[in-house]
PDB file of N, CA and C in Angstrom:
ATOM      1  N   MET A   1       3.735 -14.869  15.353  1.00  0.00           N
ATOM      2  CA  MET A   1       5.127 -15.229  15.449  1.00  0.00           C
ATOM      3  C   MET A   1       5.800 -14.291  16.446  1.00  0.00           C
ATOM      4  N   THR A   2       6.510 -14.833  17.423  1.00  0.00           N
ATOM      5  CA  THR A   2       7.206 -14.038  18.422  1.00  0.00           C
ATOM      6  C   THR A   2       8.578 -13.638  17.903  1.00  0.00           C
ATOM      7  N   SER A   3       8.943 -12.385  18.150  1.00  0.00           N
ATOM      8  CA  SER A   3      10.206 -11.861  17.636  1.00  0.00           C
ATOM      9  C   SER A   3      11.315 -11.975  18.672  1.00  0.00           C
ATOM     10  N   PRO A   4      12.587 -11.892  18.235  1.00  0.00           N
ATOM     11  CA  PRO A   4      13.713 -11.951  19.164  1.00  0.00           C
ATOM     12  C   PRO A   4      14.028 -10.593  19.796  1.00  0.00           C
ATOM     13  N   PHE A   5      13.179  -9.597  19.612  1.00  0.00           N
ATOM     14  CA  PHE A   5      13.395  -8.277  20.189  1.00  0.00           C
ATOM     15  C   PHE A   5      12.152  -7.856  20.946  1.00  0.00           C
ATOM     16  N   SER A   6      12.250  -6.769  21.682  1.00  0.00           N
ATOM     17  CA  SER A   6      11.133  -6.305  22.500  1.00  0.00           C
ATOM     18  C   SER A   6      10.495  -5.065  21.893  1.00  0.00           C
ATOM     19  N   VAL A   7       9.175  -5.064  21.859  1.00  0.00           N
ATOM     20  CA  VAL A   7       8.411  -3.892  21.459  1.00  0.00           C
ATOM     21  C   VAL A   7       7.608  -3.488  22.684  1.00  0.00           C
ATOM     22  N   TYR A   8       7.881  -2.312  23.193  1.00  0.00           N
ATOM     23  CA  TYR A   8       7.252  -1.860  24.427  1.00  0.00           C
ATOM     24  C   TYR A   8       5.794  -1.486  24.202  1.00  0.00           C
ATOM     25  N   SER A   9       5.028  -1.599  25.267  1.00  0.00           N
ATOM     26  CA  SER A   9       3.632  -1.202  25.233  1.00  0.00           C
ATOM     27  C   SER A   9       3.536   0.250  24.773  1.00  0.00           C
ATOM     28  N   GLY A  10       2.684   0.514  23.833  1.00  0.00           N
ATOM     29  CA  GLY A  10       2.536   1.856  23.281  1.00  0.00           C
ATOM     30  C   GLY A  10       3.446   2.130  22.094  1.00  0.00           C
ATOM     31  N   ALA A  11       4.408   1.236  21.844  1.00  0.00           N
ATOM     32  CA  ALA A  11       5.315   1.403  20.704  1.00  0.00           C
ATOM     33  C   ALA A  11       4.770   0.648  19.496  1.00  0.00           C
ATOM     34  N   ARG A  12       5.223   1.059  18.322  1.00  0.00           N
ATOM     35  CA  ARG A  12       4.775   0.405  17.086  1.00  0.00           C
ATOM     36  C   ARG A  12       5.965   0.235  16.154  1.00  0.00           C
ATOM     37  N   LEU A  13       6.109  -0.964  15.620  1.00  0.00           N
ATOM     38  CA  LEU A  13       7.182  -1.263  14.674  1.00  0.00           C
ATOM     39  C   LEU A  13       6.556  -1.925  13.461  1.00  0.00           C
ATOM     40  N   SER A  14       6.881  -1.419  12.281  1.00  0.00           N
ATOM     41  CA  SER A  14       6.362  -2.055  11.069  1.00  0.00           C
ATOM     42  C   SER A  14       7.523  -2.452  10.172  1.00  0.00           C
ATOM     43  N   LEU A  15       7.410  -3.627   9.569  1.00  0.00           N
ATOM     44  CA  LEU A  15       8.370  -4.097   8.579  1.00  0.00           C
ATOM     45  C   LEU A  15       7.737  -3.855   7.218  1.00  0.00           C
ATOM     46  N   GLU A  16       8.417  -3.073   6.390  1.00  0.00           N
ATOM     47  CA  GLU A  16       7.836  -2.647   5.125  1.00  0.00           C
ATOM     48  C   GLU A  16       8.664  -3.126   3.943  1.00  0.00           C
ATOM     49  N   LEU A  17       7.979  -3.338   2.842  1.00  0.00           N
ATOM     50  CA  LEU A  17       8.616  -3.709   1.583  1.00  0.00           C
ATOM     51  C   LEU A  17       8.373  -2.589   0.582  1.00  0.00           C
ATOM     52  N   GLN A  18       9.436  -2.150  -0.068  1.00  0.00           N
ATOM     53  CA  GLN A  18       9.294  -1.134  -1.108  1.00  0.00           C
ATOM     54  C   GLN A  18       8.987  -1.855  -2.419  1.00  0.00           C
ATOM     55  N   ARG A  19       7.863  -1.501  -3.031  1.00  0.00           N
ATOM     56  CA  ARG A  19       7.424  -2.183  -4.245  1.00  0.00           C
ATOM     57  C   ARG A  19       6.873  -1.183  -5.255  1.00  0.00           C
ATOM     58  N   PHE A  20       7.071  -1.509  -6.534  1.00  0.00           N
ATOM     59  CA  PHE A  20       6.402  -0.758  -7.589  1.00  0.00           C
ATOM     60  C   PHE A  20       5.020  -1.356  -7.784  1.00  0.00           C
ATOM     61  N   VAL A  21       4.024  -0.497  -7.915  1.00  0.00           N
ATOM     62  CA  VAL A  21       2.671  -0.902  -8.285  1.00  0.00           C
ATOM     63  C   VAL A  21       2.427  -0.296  -9.655  1.00  0.00           C
ATOM     64  N   PHE A  22       2.107  -1.151 -10.626  1.00  0.00           N
ATOM     65  CA  PHE A  22       1.892  -0.707 -12.002  1.00  0.00           C
ATOM     66  C   PHE A  22       0.402  -0.620 -12.293  1.00  0.00           C
ATOM     67  N   VAL A  23      -0.006   0.467 -12.953  1.00  0.00           N
ATOM     68  CA  VAL A  23      -1.398   0.645 -13.369  1.00  0.00           C
ATOM     69  C   VAL A  23      -1.437   0.518 -14.885  1.00  0.00           C
ATOM     70  N   ARG A  24      -2.223  -0.441 -15.349  1.00  0.00           N
ATOM     71  CA  ARG A  24      -2.367  -0.682 -16.786  1.00  0.00           C
ATOM     72  C   ARG A  24      -3.855  -0.763 -17.127  1.00  0.00           C
ATOM     73  N   ASP A  25      -4.156  -0.641 -18.412  1.00  0.00           N
ATOM     74  CA  ASP A  25      -5.549  -0.719 -18.841  1.00  0.00           C
ATOM     75  C   ASP A  25      -6.074  -2.148 -18.708  1.00  0.00           C
ATOM     76  N   GLU A  26      -7.342  -2.324 -19.047  1.00  0.00           N
ATOM     77  CA  GLU A  26      -7.999  -3.623 -18.883  1.00  0.00           C
ATOM     78  C   GLU A  26      -7.334  -4.742 -19.676  1.00  0.00           C
ATOM     79  N   SER A  27      -6.689  -4.402 -20.791  1.00  0.00           N
ATOM     80  CA  SER A  27      -6.026  -5.426 -21.607  1.00  0.00           C
ATOM     81  C   SER A  27      -4.592  -5.685 -21.133  1.00  0.00           C
ATOM     82  N   ASN A  28      -4.156  -4.937 -20.107  1.00  0.00           N
ATOM     83  CA  ASN A  28      -2.822  -5.082 -19.515  1.00  0.00           C
ATOM     84  C   ASN A  28      -1.702  -4.746 -20.504  1.00  0.00           C
ATOM     85  N   THR A  29      -1.997  -3.872 -21.472  1.00  0.00           N
ATOM     86  CA  THR A  29      -0.988  -3.526 -22.478  1.00  0.00           C
ATOM     87  C   THR A  29      -0.536  -2.074 -22.417  1.00  0.00           C
ATOM     88  N   THR A  30      -1.380  -1.188 -21.903  1.00  0.00           N
ATOM     89  CA  THR A  30      -1.071   0.236 -21.905  1.00  0.00           C
ATOM     90  C   THR A  30      -0.918   0.762 -20.489  1.00  0.00           C
ATOM     91  N   ALA A  31       0.236   1.384 -20.209  1.00  0.00           N
ATOM     92  CA  ALA A  31       0.464   2.001 -18.903  1.00  0.00           C
ATOM     93  C   ALA A  31      -0.422   3.238 -18.772  1.00  0.00           C
ATOM     94  N   ILE A  32      -0.966   3.445 -17.588  1.00  0.00           N
ATOM     95  CA  ILE A  32      -1.833   4.591 -17.331  1.00  0.00           C
ATOM     96  C   ILE A  32      -1.049   5.656 -16.569  1.00  0.00           C
ATOM     97  N   GLU A  33      -0.735   6.742 -17.261  1.00  0.00           N
ATOM     98  CA  GLU A  33      -0.053   7.872 -16.622  1.00  0.00           C
ATOM     99  C   GLU A  33      -1.091   8.765 -15.958  1.00  0.00           C
ATOM    100  N   GLY A  34      -0.780   9.276 -14.774  1.00  0.00           N
ATOM    101  CA  GLY A  34      -1.677  10.204 -14.086  1.00  0.00           C
ATOM    102  C   GLY A  34      -2.809   9.546 -13.330  1.00  0.00           C
ATOM    103  N   ALA A  35      -2.704   8.256 -13.050  1.00  0.00           N
ATOM    104  CA  ALA A  35      -3.736   7.567 -12.270  1.00  0.00           C
ATOM    105  C   ALA A  35      -3.636   7.993 -10.806  1.00  0.00           C
ATOM    106  N   ASP A  36      -4.764   7.962 -10.127  1.00  0.00           N
ATOM    107  CA  ASP A  36      -4.813   8.256  -8.696  1.00  0.00           C
ATOM    108  C   ASP A  36      -4.789   6.956  -7.915  1.00  0.00           C
ATOM    109  N   LEU A  37      -4.261   7.018  -6.684  1.00  0.00           N
ATOM    110  CA  LEU A  37      -4.133   5.804  -5.879  1.00  0.00           C
ATOM    111  C   LEU A  37      -4.340   6.131  -4.409  1.00  0.00           C
ATOM    112  N   LEU A  38      -4.981   5.202  -3.714  1.00  0.00           N
ATOM    113  CA  LEU A  38      -5.146   5.268  -2.265  1.00  0.00           C
ATOM    114  C   LEU A  38      -4.631   3.964  -1.688  1.00  0.00           C
ATOM    115  N   LEU A  39      -3.672   4.038  -0.766  1.00  0.00           N
ATOM    116  CA  LEU A  39      -3.151   2.867  -0.059  1.00  0.00           C
ATOM    117  C   LEU A  39      -3.529   3.001   1.404  1.00  0.00           C
ATOM    118  N   THR A  40      -4.242   2.001   1.920  1.00  0.00           N
ATOM    119  CA  THR A  40      -4.540   1.949   3.348  1.00  0.00           C
ATOM    120  C   THR A  40      -4.019   0.629   3.901  1.00  0.00           C
ATOM    121  N   VAL A  41      -3.570   0.680   5.144  1.00  0.00           N
ATOM    122  CA  VAL A  41      -3.108  -0.516   5.847  1.00  0.00           C
ATOM    123  C   VAL A  41      -3.942  -0.623   7.110  1.00  0.00           C
ATOM    124  N   ASP A  42      -4.739  -1.688   7.180  1.00  0.00           N
ATOM    125  CA  ASP A  42      -5.686  -1.868   8.288  1.00  0.00           C
ATOM    126  C   ASP A  42      -6.508  -0.603   8.522  1.00  0.00           C
ATOM    127  N   GLY A  43      -6.921   0.030   7.427  1.00  0.00           N
ATOM    128  CA  GLY A  43      -7.775   1.209   7.499  1.00  0.00           C
ATOM    129  C   GLY A  43      -7.042   2.528   7.658  1.00  0.00           C
ATOM    130  N   GLU A  44      -5.736   2.507   7.899  1.00  0.00           N
ATOM    131  CA  GLU A  44      -4.960   3.738   8.060  1.00  0.00           C
ATOM    132  C   GLU A  44      -4.390   4.170   6.710  1.00  0.00           C
ATOM    133  N   GLU A  45      -4.659   5.402   6.325  1.00  0.00           N
ATOM    134  CA  GLU A  45      -4.213   5.925   5.031  1.00  0.00           C
ATOM    135  C   GLU A  45      -2.705   6.178   5.046  1.00  0.00           C
ATOM    136  N   LEU A  46      -1.988   5.551   4.091  1.00  0.00           N
ATOM    137  CA  LEU A  46      -0.543   5.743   3.992  1.00  0.00           C
ATOM    138  C   LEU A  46      -0.131   6.492   2.733  1.00  0.00           C
ATOM    139  N   TYR A  47      -0.943   6.431   1.693  1.00  0.00           N
ATOM    140  CA  TYR A  47      -0.630   7.106   0.431  1.00  0.00           C
ATOM    141  C   TYR A  47      -1.952   7.520  -0.192  1.00  0.00           C
ATOM    142  N   SER A  48      -2.054   8.785  -0.597  1.00  0.00           N
ATOM    143  CA  SER A  48      -3.311   9.277  -1.146  1.00  0.00           C
ATOM    144  C   SER A  48      -3.043  10.408  -2.134  1.00  0.00           C
ATOM    145  N   THR A  49      -3.533  10.242  -3.359  1.00  0.00           N
ATOM    146  CA  THR A  49      -3.398  11.283  -4.376  1.00  0.00           C
ATOM    147  C   THR A  49      -4.616  12.214  -4.334  1.00  0.00           C
ATOM    148  N   GLU A  50      -4.619  13.184  -5.214  1.00  0.00           N
ATOM    149  CA  GLU A  50      -5.637  14.233  -5.219  1.00  0.00           C
ATOM    150  C   GLU A  50      -7.073  13.701  -5.249  1.00  0.00           C
ATOM    151  N   HIS A  51      -7.355  12.723  -6.095  1.00  0.00           N
ATOM    152  CA  HIS A  51      -8.722  12.194  -6.203  1.00  0.00           C
ATOM    153  C   HIS A  51      -9.235  11.661  -4.868  1.00  0.00           C
ATOM    154  N   TYR A  52      -8.347  11.149  -4.051  1.00  0.00           N
ATOM    155  CA  TYR A  52      -8.710  10.583  -2.748  1.00  0.00           C
ATOM    156  C   TYR A  52      -8.475  11.566  -1.605  1.00  0.00           C
ATOM    157  N   GLY A  53      -8.258  12.846  -1.933  1.00  0.00           N
ATOM    158  CA  GLY A  53      -8.129  13.881  -0.919  1.00  0.00           C
ATOM    159  C   GLY A  53      -6.720  14.110  -0.404  1.00  0.00           C
ATOM    160  N   GLY A  54      -5.723  13.484  -1.021  1.00  0.00           N
ATOM    161  CA  GLY A  54      -4.342  13.616  -0.558  1.00  0.00           C
ATOM    162  C   GLY A  54      -3.493  14.488  -1.459  1.00  0.00           C
ATOM    163  N   THR A  55      -2.195  14.494  -1.174  1.00  0.00           N
ATOM    164  CA  THR A  55      -1.258  15.323  -1.927  1.00  0.00           C
ATOM    165  C   THR A  55      -0.113  14.514  -2.529  1.00  0.00           C
ATOM    166  N   ASP A  56      -0.155  13.182  -2.411  1.00  0.00           N
ATOM    167  CA  ASP A  56       0.909  12.343  -2.971  1.00  0.00           C
ATOM    168  C   ASP A  56       0.828  12.338  -4.497  1.00  0.00           C
ATOM    169  N   GLY A  57       1.942  11.959  -5.142  1.00  0.00           N
ATOM    170  CA  GLY A  57       2.040  11.986  -6.597  1.00  0.00           C
ATOM    171  C   GLY A  57       1.223  10.916  -7.301  1.00  0.00           C
ATOM    172  N   LYS A  58       0.792  11.251  -8.523  1.00  0.00           N
ATOM    173  CA  LYS A  58       0.060  10.307  -9.375  1.00  0.00           C
ATOM    174  C   LYS A  58       1.044   9.386 -10.085  1.00  0.00           C
ATOM    175  N   SER A  59       0.525   8.389 -10.813  1.00  0.00           N
ATOM    176  CA  SER A  59       1.394   7.437 -11.515  1.00  0.00           C
ATOM    177  C   SER A  59       2.229   8.157 -12.573  1.00  0.00           C
ATOM    178  N   ASP A  60       3.440   7.658 -12.785  1.00  0.00           N
ATOM    179  CA  ASP A  60       4.362   8.277 -13.740  1.00  0.00           C
ATOM    180  C   ASP A  60       4.057   7.817 -15.168  1.00  0.00           C
ATOM    181  N   GLY A  61       4.919   8.177 -16.099  1.00  0.00           N
ATOM    182  CA  GLY A  61       4.727   7.834 -17.507  1.00  0.00           C
ATOM    183  C   GLY A  61       4.722   6.349 -17.795  1.00  0.00           C
ATOM    184  N   ASN A  62       5.251   5.552 -16.868  1.00  0.00           N
ATOM    185  CA  ASN A  62       5.223   4.089 -17.002  1.00  0.00           C
ATOM    186  C   ASN A  62       4.064   3.475 -16.230  1.00  0.00           C
ATOM    187  N   GLY A  63       3.172   4.318 -15.716  1.00  0.00           N
ATOM    188  CA  GLY A  63       2.016   3.834 -14.973  1.00  0.00           C
ATOM    189  C   GLY A  63       2.361   3.278 -13.606  1.00  0.00           C
ATOM    190  N   ARG A  64       3.431   3.749 -13.002  1.00  0.00           N
ATOM    191  CA  ARG A  64       3.850   3.121 -11.750  1.00  0.00           C
ATOM    192  C   ARG A  64       3.891   4.091 -10.575  1.00  0.00           C
ATOM    193  N   PHE A  65       3.739   3.479  -9.412  1.00  0.00           N
ATOM    194  CA  PHE A  65       3.895   4.133  -8.117  1.00  0.00           C
ATOM    195  C   PHE A  65       4.966   3.360  -7.364  1.00  0.00           C
ATOM    196  N   LEU A  66       5.786   4.047  -6.590  1.00  0.00           N
ATOM    197  CA  LEU A  66       6.731   3.388  -5.699  1.00  0.00           C
ATOM    198  C   LEU A  66       6.164   3.520  -4.293  1.00  0.00           C
ATOM    199  N   LEU A  67       5.753   2.389  -3.715  1.00  0.00           N
ATOM    200  CA  LEU A  67       5.064   2.392  -2.426  1.00  0.00           C
ATOM    201  C   LEU A  67       5.809   1.558  -1.397  1.00  0.00           C
ATOM    202  N   TYR A  68       5.552   1.870  -0.145  1.00  0.00           N
ATOM    203  CA  TYR A  68       6.009   1.035   0.965  1.00  0.00           C
ATOM    204  C   TYR A  68       4.792   0.284   1.481  1.00  0.00           C
ATOM    205  N   LEU A  69       4.786  -1.033   1.282  1.00  0.00           N
ATOM    206  CA  LEU A  69       3.703  -1.883   1.758  1.00  0.00           C
ATOM    207  C   LEU A  69       4.127  -2.507   3.079  1.00  0.00           C
ATOM    208  N   VAL A  70       3.206  -2.583   4.025  1.00  0.00           N
ATOM    209  CA  VAL A  70       3.521  -3.091   5.357  1.00  0.00           C
ATOM    210  C   VAL A  70       3.347  -4.603   5.365  1.00  0.00           C
ATOM    211  N   LYS A  71       4.456  -5.316   5.624  1.00  0.00           N
ATOM    212  CA  LYS A  71       4.420  -6.775   5.654  1.00  0.00           C
ATOM    213  C   LYS A  71       4.024  -7.305   7.025  1.00  0.00           C
ATOM    214  N   ARG A  72       4.641  -6.773   8.063  1.00  0.00           N
ATOM    215  CA  ARG A  72       4.349  -7.230   9.418  1.00  0.00           C
ATOM    216  C   ARG A  72       4.273  -6.024  10.333  1.00  0.00           C
ATOM    217  N   LEU A  73       3.450  -6.161  11.353  1.00  0.00           N
ATOM    218  CA  LEU A  73       3.238  -5.063  12.276  1.00  0.00           C
ATOM    219  C   LEU A  73       3.322  -5.573  13.706  1.00  0.00           C
ATOM    220  N   PHE A  74       4.161  -4.917  14.497  1.00  0.00           N
ATOM    221  CA  PHE A  74       4.268  -5.181  15.930  1.00  0.00           C
ATOM    222  C   PHE A  74       3.688  -3.949  16.614  1.00  0.00           C
ATOM    223  N   ASP A  75       2.549  -4.089  17.247  1.00  0.00           N
ATOM    224  CA  ASP A  75       1.857  -2.938  17.825  1.00  0.00           C
ATOM    225  C   ASP A  75       1.769  -3.099  19.338  1.00  0.00           C
ATOM    226  N   GLY A  76       2.822  -2.659  20.033  1.00  0.00           N
ATOM    227  CA  GLY A  76       2.848  -2.735  21.487  1.00  0.00           C
ATOM    228  C   GLY A  76       3.068  -4.122  22.044  1.00  0.00           C
ATOM    229  N   THR A  77       3.555  -5.037  21.207  1.00  0.00           N
ATOM    230  CA  THR A  77       3.768  -6.419  21.633  1.00  0.00           C
ATOM    231  C   THR A  77       4.873  -7.040  20.790  1.00  0.00           C
ATOM    232  N   ASN A  78       5.433  -8.149  21.264  1.00  0.00           N
ATOM    233  CA  ASN A  78       6.475  -8.858  20.510  1.00  0.00           C
ATOM    234  C   ASN A  78       5.892  -9.793  19.458  1.00  0.00           C
ATOM    235  N   THR A  79       4.593  -9.911  19.412  1.00  0.00           N
ATOM    236  CA  THR A  79       3.928 -10.791  18.454  1.00  0.00           C
ATOM    237  C   THR A  79       3.470  -9.970  17.251  1.00  0.00           C
ATOM    238  N   SER A  80       3.825 -10.440  16.065  1.00  0.00           N
ATOM    239  CA  SER A  80       3.482  -9.681  14.860  1.00  0.00           C
ATOM    240  C   SER A  80       2.158 -10.136  14.274  1.00  0.00           C
ATOM    241  N   VAL A  81       1.569  -9.240  13.508  1.00  0.00           N
ATOM    242  CA  VAL A  81       0.378  -9.557  12.721  1.00  0.00           C
ATOM    243  C   VAL A  81       0.684  -9.188  11.273  1.00  0.00           C
ATOM    244  N   PHE A  82      -0.058  -9.780  10.362  1.00  0.00           N
ATOM    245  CA  PHE A  82       0.058  -9.459   8.943  1.00  0.00           C
ATOM    246  C   PHE A  82      -1.085  -8.506   8.602  1.00  0.00           C
ATOM    247  N   PRO A  83      -0.797  -7.218   8.496  1.00  0.00           N
ATOM    248  CA  PRO A  83      -1.864  -6.253   8.245  1.00  0.00           C
ATOM    249  C   PRO A  83      -2.400  -6.362   6.816  1.00  0.00           C
ATOM    250  N   GLN A  84      -3.597  -5.838   6.633  1.00  0.00           N
ATOM    251  CA  GLN A  84      -4.226  -5.839   5.314  1.00  0.00           C
ATOM    252  C   GLN A  84      -3.866  -4.555   4.579  1.00  0.00           C
ATOM    253  N   ASN A  85      -3.196  -4.691   3.440  1.00  0.00           N
ATOM    254  CA  ASN A  85      -2.859  -3.570   2.561  1.00  0.00           C
ATOM    255  C   ASN A  85      -3.932  -3.507   1.476  1.00  0.00           C
ATOM    256  N   ASP A  86      -4.663  -2.412   1.420  1.00  0.00           N
ATOM    257  CA  ASP A  86      -5.685  -2.233   0.388  1.00  0.00           C
ATOM    258  C   ASP A  86      -5.276  -1.099  -0.537  1.00  0.00           C
ATOM    259  N   ILE A  87      -5.427  -1.337  -1.829  1.00  0.00           N
ATOM    260  CA  ILE A  87      -5.092  -0.330  -2.835  1.00  0.00           C
ATOM    261  C   ILE A  87      -6.335  -0.049  -3.669  1.00  0.00           C
ATOM    262  N   ARG A  88      -6.641   1.236  -3.811  1.00  0.00           N
ATOM    263  CA  ARG A  88      -7.707   1.675  -4.718  1.00  0.00           C
ATOM    264  C   ARG A  88      -7.053   2.526  -5.787  1.00  0.00           C
ATOM    265  N   VAL A  89      -7.436   2.304  -7.024  1.00  0.00           N
ATOM    266  CA  VAL A  89      -6.894   3.065  -8.153  1.00  0.00           C
ATOM    267  C   VAL A  89      -8.057   3.684  -8.915  1.00  0.00           C
ATOM    268  N   TRP A  90      -7.890   4.932  -9.318  1.00  0.00           N
ATOM    269  CA  TRP A  90      -8.912   5.629 -10.098  1.00  0.00           C
ATOM    270  C   TRP A  90      -8.264   6.227 -11.338  1.00  0.00           C
ATOM    271  N   TYR A  91      -8.851   5.928 -12.484  1.00  0.00           N
ATOM    272  CA  TYR A  91      -8.422   6.559 -13.735  1.00  0.00           C
ATOM    273  C   TYR A  91      -9.549   6.449 -14.731  1.00  0.00           C
ATOM    274  N   GLY A  92      -9.666   7.436 -15.584  1.00  0.00           N
ATOM    275  CA  GLY A  92     -10.668   7.423 -16.643  1.00  0.00           C
ATOM    276  C   GLY A  92     -12.089   7.242 -16.146  1.00  0.00           C
ATOM    277  N   GLY A  93     -12.381   7.720 -14.944  1.00  0.00           N
ATOM    278  CA  GLY A  93     -13.737   7.628 -14.418  1.00  0.00           C
ATOM    279  C   GLY A  93     -14.059   6.333 -13.725  1.00  0.00           C
ATOM    280  N   GLY A  94     -13.092   5.436 -13.566  1.00  0.00           N
ATOM    281  CA  GLY A  94     -13.355   4.155 -12.910  1.00  0.00           C
ATOM    282  C   GLY A  94     -12.537   3.982 -11.648  1.00  0.00           C
ATOM    283  N   ASP A  95     -13.062   3.188 -10.731  1.00  0.00           N
ATOM    284  CA  ASP A  95     -12.424   2.931  -9.446  1.00  0.00           C
ATOM    285  C   ASP A  95     -12.235   1.425  -9.302  1.00  0.00           C
ATOM    286  N   VAL A  96     -11.000   0.991  -9.045  1.00  0.00           N
ATOM    287  CA  VAL A  96     -10.688  -0.434  -8.911  1.00  0.00           C
ATOM    288  C   VAL A  96     -10.042  -0.646  -7.552  1.00  0.00           C
ATOM    289  N   GLU A  97     -10.436  -1.707  -6.845  1.00  0.00           N
ATOM    290  CA  GLU A  97      -9.883  -1.982  -5.524  1.00  0.00           C
ATOM    291  C   GLU A  97      -9.233  -3.354  -5.497  1.00  0.00           C
ATOM    292  N   ARG A  98      -8.067  -3.447  -4.845  1.00  0.00           N
ATOM    293  CA  ARG A  98      -7.341  -4.711  -4.705  1.00  0.00           C
ATOM    294  C   ARG A  98      -6.788  -4.822  -3.298  1.00  0.00           C
ATOM    295  N   GLU A  99      -6.751  -6.054  -2.781  1.00  0.00           N
ATOM    296  CA  GLU A  99      -6.086  -6.322  -1.515  1.00  0.00           C
ATOM    297  C   GLU A  99      -4.733  -6.938  -1.831  1.00  0.00           C
ATOM    298  N   VAL A 100      -3.688  -6.468  -1.172  1.00  0.00           N
ATOM    299  CA  VAL A 100      -2.339  -6.973  -1.390  1.00  0.00           C
ATOM    300  C   VAL A 100      -1.966  -7.833  -0.194  1.00  0.00           C
ATOM    301  N   VAL A 101      -1.713  -9.125  -0.435  1.00  0.00           N
ATOM    302  CA  VAL A 101      -1.363 -10.059   0.631  1.00  0.00           C
ATOM    303  C   VAL A 101       0.145 -10.251   0.625  1.00  0.00           C
ATOM    304  N   LEU A 102       0.795  -9.940   1.744  1.00  0.00           N
ATOM    305  CA  LEU A 102       2.249  -9.998   1.821  1.00  0.00           C
ATOM    306  C   LEU A 102       2.746 -11.064   2.783  1.00  0.00           C
ATOM    307  N   SER A 103       1.895 -11.932   3.277  1.00  0.00           N
ATOM    308  CA  SER A 103       2.309 -12.914   4.280  1.00  0.00           C
ATOM    309  C   SER A 103       3.340 -13.896   3.754  1.00  0.00           C
ATOM    310  N   SER A 104       3.369 -14.136   2.459  1.00  0.00           N
ATOM    311  CA  SER A 104       4.321 -15.101   1.903  1.00  0.00           C
ATOM    312  C   SER A 104       5.480 -14.434   1.174  1.00  0.00           C
ATOM    313  N   VAL A 105       5.546 -13.112   1.203  1.00  0.00           N
ATOM    314  CA  VAL A 105       6.600 -12.387   0.485  1.00  0.00           C
ATOM    315  C   VAL A 105       7.842 -12.301   1.341  1.00  0.00           C
TER     316      VAL A 105
END
């Protein structure tokens, strides 16, 4: 999709959505406090807690993280792409991975 503004060669513009990500147990009834999370967008690390080698905060008492997910990316061009947001969560010895699709949000 072509935008009504100009993005110069070498410049980068991202449109982001602020969203809560909730971590719950397998039965979806109990919030997981202190879970670790890794958020990457097209392979670039944007959020990383201690388990994943970063310094960002773990999930709060409600099992949530407040994240900025990238909806659209203009990378040196006026044409946008929908980047891939990947989330990995670790708690209680387990690692879970999810892809977040924002093209219709």
